[in-house]
N, C-alpha and C. Protein backbone atom coordinates (compact mmCIF):
# COMPACT_ATOMS: atom_id res chain seq x y z
N MET A 1 88.09 64.72 165.75
CA MET A 1 88.79 65.25 166.50
C MET A 1 89.00 63.90 167.75
N ALA A 2 89.95 63.49 167.92
CA ALA A 2 89.84 62.52 169.22
C ALA A 2 90.03 63.20 170.39
N ILE A 3 89.28 62.55 171.16
CA ILE A 3 89.32 63.21 172.85
C ILE A 3 89.71 61.95 173.86
N THR A 4 90.38 62.22 174.87
CA THR A 4 91.09 61.33 175.69
C THR A 4 89.90 60.91 176.53
N GLN A 5 90.36 60.00 177.13
CA GLN A 5 89.18 59.55 178.53
C GLN A 5 89.07 60.38 179.43
N GLU A 6 90.24 61.01 179.62
CA GLU A 6 90.29 62.07 180.92
C GLU A 6 89.51 63.36 180.84
N ASN A 7 89.64 63.50 179.27
CA ASN A 7 88.75 64.88 178.73
C ASN A 7 87.68 64.60 178.98
N ALA A 8 87.21 63.16 178.28
CA ALA A 8 85.81 62.76 178.35
C ALA A 8 85.12 62.69 179.69
N GLU A 9 86.26 62.20 180.50
CA GLU A 9 85.45 62.10 181.99
C GLU A 9 85.27 63.48 182.35
N THR A 10 85.95 64.27 182.40
CA THR A 10 85.73 65.94 182.95
C THR A 10 84.83 66.61 182.34
N LEU A 11 84.55 66.07 181.01
CA LEU A 11 83.03 66.84 180.18
C LEU A 11 81.99 66.05 181.11
N ALA A 12 82.05 64.94 181.11
CA ALA A 12 80.81 64.51 181.76
C ALA A 12 80.53 64.78 183.12
N LEU A 13 81.57 65.10 183.84
CA LEU A 13 81.39 65.63 185.06
C LEU A 13 80.62 67.05 185.07
N SER A 14 81.09 67.89 184.16
CA SER A 14 80.39 68.87 184.11
C SER A 14 78.81 68.87 183.43
N ALA A 15 78.80 67.74 182.95
CA ALA A 15 77.27 67.32 182.20
C ALA A 15 76.58 67.01 183.49
N LEU A 16 77.11 66.02 184.54
CA LEU A 16 76.63 65.80 185.67
C LEU A 16 76.29 66.96 186.41
N THR A 17 77.26 67.94 186.61
CA THR A 17 77.02 69.17 187.18
C THR A 17 75.99 69.97 186.63
N TRP A 18 75.71 69.95 185.46
CA TRP A 18 74.27 70.72 184.79
C TRP A 18 73.39 69.93 185.15
N LEU A 19 73.26 68.68 184.95
CA LEU A 19 72.15 67.87 185.51
C LEU A 19 71.51 68.00 186.61
N VAL A 20 72.51 68.09 187.60
CA VAL A 20 71.87 68.00 188.77
C VAL A 20 71.23 69.63 189.28
N GLY A 21 72.05 70.60 188.54
CA GLY A 21 71.02 71.94 188.43
C GLY A 21 69.96 72.30 187.69
N ASN A 22 69.23 71.13 186.88
CA ASN A 22 68.36 71.37 186.14
C ASN A 22 67.16 70.58 186.95
N ASP A 23 66.38 71.43 187.59
CA ASP A 23 65.33 70.93 188.64
C ASP A 23 64.20 69.87 187.39
N GLU A 24 64.21 70.14 186.30
CA GLU A 24 63.30 69.80 185.54
C GLU A 24 63.76 68.28 185.02
N LEU A 25 64.80 68.53 184.57
CA LEU A 25 65.57 67.11 183.86
C LEU A 25 66.22 65.94 184.75
N LEU A 26 66.53 66.68 186.07
CA LEU A 26 66.99 65.67 186.91
C LEU A 26 66.46 64.69 187.33
N PRO A 27 65.13 65.21 187.65
CA PRO A 27 64.27 63.60 188.24
C PRO A 27 63.81 62.80 186.85
N VAL A 28 64.03 63.33 185.82
CA VAL A 28 63.70 62.37 184.62
C VAL A 28 64.85 61.34 184.47
N PHE A 29 65.95 61.73 184.60
CA PHE A 29 67.47 61.17 184.86
C PHE A 29 67.58 60.19 185.96
N LEU A 30 67.11 60.71 187.28
CA LEU A 30 66.78 59.73 188.23
C LEU A 30 65.83 58.55 188.11
N GLY A 31 64.76 58.59 187.47
CA GLY A 31 63.67 57.80 187.11
C GLY A 31 64.15 56.81 186.14
N ALA A 32 64.78 57.43 184.99
CA ALA A 32 65.34 56.15 183.98
C ALA A 32 66.62 55.66 184.25
N SER A 33 67.37 56.16 185.49
CA SER A 33 68.20 55.14 185.60
C SER A 33 68.36 54.43 187.11
N GLY A 34 67.43 54.79 187.75
CA GLY A 34 67.03 54.08 189.10
C GLY A 34 68.04 54.44 190.14
N ALA A 35 68.75 55.77 189.61
CA ALA A 35 69.93 56.02 190.47
C ALA A 35 69.04 56.94 191.38
N GLY A 36 69.90 57.40 192.71
CA GLY A 36 69.71 58.25 193.84
C GLY A 36 70.65 59.38 193.90
N ILE A 37 70.51 60.06 194.76
CA ILE A 37 71.46 61.09 194.74
C ILE A 37 72.73 60.61 195.55
N ASP A 38 72.85 59.70 196.48
CA ASP A 38 74.11 59.36 196.62
C ASP A 38 74.81 58.39 195.62
N ASP A 39 74.02 58.04 194.73
CA ASP A 39 74.58 57.22 193.69
C ASP A 39 75.38 58.46 192.73
N LEU A 40 74.41 59.63 192.59
CA LEU A 40 75.28 60.37 191.85
C LEU A 40 76.48 60.77 192.29
N LYS A 41 76.39 60.93 193.62
CA LYS A 41 77.80 61.56 194.22
C LYS A 41 79.00 60.07 194.04
N ALA A 42 78.65 58.97 194.26
CA ALA A 42 79.49 57.86 194.13
C ALA A 42 79.80 57.71 192.60
N GLY A 43 78.70 57.95 191.62
CA GLY A 43 79.06 57.75 190.54
C GLY A 43 80.05 59.25 189.58
N ALA A 44 80.36 59.77 190.35
CA ALA A 44 80.97 60.96 189.68
C ALA A 44 82.45 60.64 189.59
N SER A 45 82.95 59.43 190.05
CA SER A 45 84.23 59.21 189.93
C SER A 45 84.36 57.65 189.27
N ASP A 46 83.39 57.32 188.62
CA ASP A 46 83.11 55.88 187.96
C ASP A 46 82.92 56.50 186.43
N PRO A 47 83.74 56.09 185.51
CA PRO A 47 83.54 56.17 184.04
C PRO A 47 82.58 55.91 183.55
N ALA A 48 82.33 54.44 184.11
CA ALA A 48 80.86 53.95 183.22
C ALA A 48 79.66 54.64 183.61
N PHE A 49 79.62 54.93 184.92
CA PHE A 49 78.51 56.00 185.24
C PHE A 49 78.32 56.87 184.62
N LEU A 50 79.68 57.54 184.35
CA LEU A 50 79.85 59.24 183.63
C LEU A 50 79.33 58.71 182.21
N GLY A 51 79.56 57.68 181.47
CA GLY A 51 79.50 57.35 180.28
C GLY A 51 77.51 57.08 180.18
N SER A 52 76.86 56.78 181.16
CA SER A 52 75.43 56.88 181.06
C SER A 52 75.07 57.97 181.41
N VAL A 53 75.69 59.05 181.98
CA VAL A 53 75.15 60.44 182.09
C VAL A 53 75.12 61.21 180.73
N LEU A 54 75.89 60.40 179.90
CA LEU A 54 76.10 61.33 178.42
C LEU A 54 75.19 60.38 177.76
N ASP A 55 74.96 58.84 178.10
CA ASP A 55 73.76 58.39 176.91
C ASP A 55 72.70 59.21 176.96
N PHE A 56 72.24 59.40 178.39
CA PHE A 56 70.86 59.94 178.80
C PHE A 56 70.81 61.41 178.07
N LEU A 57 71.72 62.23 178.06
CA LEU A 57 71.80 63.47 177.58
C LEU A 57 71.52 63.16 175.87
N LEU A 58 72.21 62.36 175.71
CA LEU A 58 72.36 61.90 174.00
C LEU A 58 70.94 61.71 173.38
N MET A 59 70.07 61.23 174.52
CA MET A 59 68.95 60.86 173.99
C MET A 59 68.07 61.92 173.32
N ASP A 60 68.18 62.99 173.49
CA ASP A 60 67.53 64.08 172.85
C ASP A 60 68.12 65.26 172.39
N ASP A 61 67.84 65.67 171.27
CA ASP A 61 68.97 66.79 170.80
C ASP A 61 68.56 68.29 171.49
N ALA A 62 67.36 68.62 171.88
CA ALA A 62 67.33 69.55 172.98
C ALA A 62 67.86 69.48 174.39
N TRP A 63 68.08 68.58 174.97
CA TRP A 63 68.97 68.21 175.99
C TRP A 63 70.38 68.44 175.45
N VAL A 64 70.99 67.84 174.35
CA VAL A 64 72.37 68.14 173.80
C VAL A 64 72.55 69.58 173.64
N ILE A 65 71.48 70.12 173.08
CA ILE A 65 71.81 71.75 172.68
C ILE A 65 71.87 72.61 174.09
N ALA A 66 70.79 72.21 174.70
CA ALA A 66 71.20 72.88 176.12
C ALA A 66 72.52 73.02 177.00
N PHE A 67 72.85 71.72 176.88
CA PHE A 67 74.16 71.35 177.71
C PHE A 67 75.11 72.17 177.10
N CYS A 68 75.42 71.74 175.66
CA CYS A 68 76.62 72.35 175.04
C CYS A 68 76.52 73.97 175.00
N ASP A 69 75.33 74.53 174.65
CA ASP A 69 75.07 75.64 174.88
C ASP A 69 75.72 76.45 176.26
N SER A 70 75.42 75.79 177.12
CA SER A 70 75.73 76.36 178.65
C SER A 70 76.82 76.41 178.66
N CYS A 71 77.53 75.31 178.12
CA CYS A 71 79.57 75.35 178.32
C CYS A 71 80.00 76.09 176.80
N SER A 72 79.30 76.45 175.97
CA SER A 72 79.88 76.62 174.57
C SER A 72 80.64 75.88 174.11
N LEU A 73 80.35 74.51 173.84
CA LEU A 73 80.53 73.39 173.37
C LEU A 73 80.02 72.98 171.74
N PRO A 74 80.92 72.78 171.02
CA PRO A 74 80.31 72.05 169.74
C PRO A 74 79.44 71.12 170.09
N TYR A 75 78.46 70.84 169.51
CA TYR A 75 77.35 69.80 169.76
C TYR A 75 77.85 68.28 169.76
N GLU A 76 78.96 67.98 168.75
CA GLU A 76 79.44 66.83 168.36
C GLU A 76 80.14 66.40 169.41
N ARG A 77 80.73 67.52 170.51
CA ARG A 77 81.50 67.16 171.40
C ARG A 77 81.30 66.08 172.41
N LEU A 78 79.76 65.96 172.72
CA LEU A 78 79.21 65.09 173.35
C LEU A 78 79.44 63.71 173.12
N MET A 79 78.93 63.53 171.72
CA MET A 79 79.07 62.16 171.17
C MET A 79 80.64 61.88 171.30
N GLN A 80 81.35 62.70 170.80
CA GLN A 80 82.71 62.39 170.78
C GLN A 80 83.42 61.65 172.62
N ALA A 81 82.96 62.41 173.55
CA ALA A 81 83.27 62.24 174.88
C ALA A 81 82.99 60.71 175.31
N ARG A 82 81.67 60.79 174.58
CA ARG A 82 80.92 59.44 174.97
C ARG A 82 81.60 58.25 174.54
N MET A 83 82.21 58.45 173.17
CA MET A 83 83.05 57.25 172.58
C MET A 83 84.14 57.21 173.28
N ALA A 84 84.82 57.83 174.06
CA ALA A 84 86.03 57.64 174.56
C ALA A 84 85.65 57.13 176.06
N LEU A 85 84.41 56.83 176.69
CA LEU A 85 84.09 56.53 178.05
C LEU A 85 83.89 54.78 177.81
N PRO A 86 84.04 53.88 178.78
CA PRO A 86 83.71 52.72 178.43
C PRO A 86 82.18 52.74 177.94
N GLY A 87 82.10 51.34 177.36
CA GLY A 87 80.73 51.04 176.60
C GLY A 87 80.36 52.18 175.30
N GLY A 88 81.41 53.11 174.87
CA GLY A 88 81.04 54.06 174.21
C GLY A 88 81.51 53.70 172.64
N ALA A 89 82.35 52.64 172.40
CA ALA A 89 82.95 52.49 170.89
C ALA A 89 81.68 52.06 170.17
N GLN A 90 81.65 52.78 169.03
CA GLN A 90 80.81 52.05 167.86
C GLN A 90 80.97 51.00 167.79
N MET A 91 79.70 50.05 167.34
CA MET A 91 79.72 48.69 166.84
C MET A 91 80.00 48.75 165.68
N HIS A 92 80.70 47.91 165.09
CA HIS A 92 81.29 47.16 163.76
C HIS A 92 80.68 45.85 163.52
N TRP A 93 79.66 45.69 162.80
CA TRP A 93 78.81 44.48 162.80
C TRP A 93 79.42 43.59 161.42
N THR A 94 80.75 44.20 160.68
CA THR A 94 81.17 43.41 159.82
C THR A 94 82.43 42.85 160.09
């Protein structure tokens, strides 16, 4: 299923909201990304930043499952959304 950039941004905003509400995972994201709370607010309108939120969640299957289960989304939807945002295209080395 192809997903539009607008739909991907909406899903990524949901992921960011979920992440902000996760007291255990938010500090991990902030530490890994170097972002602060103000950066989260500013990044909410930046498709590249939203892509980084999805990149972070995609690092661990447990995080993907937890987020997708909380939103009743199929697990592959997160990767589909990531591919629709800047920097998310799959590399073809041939």
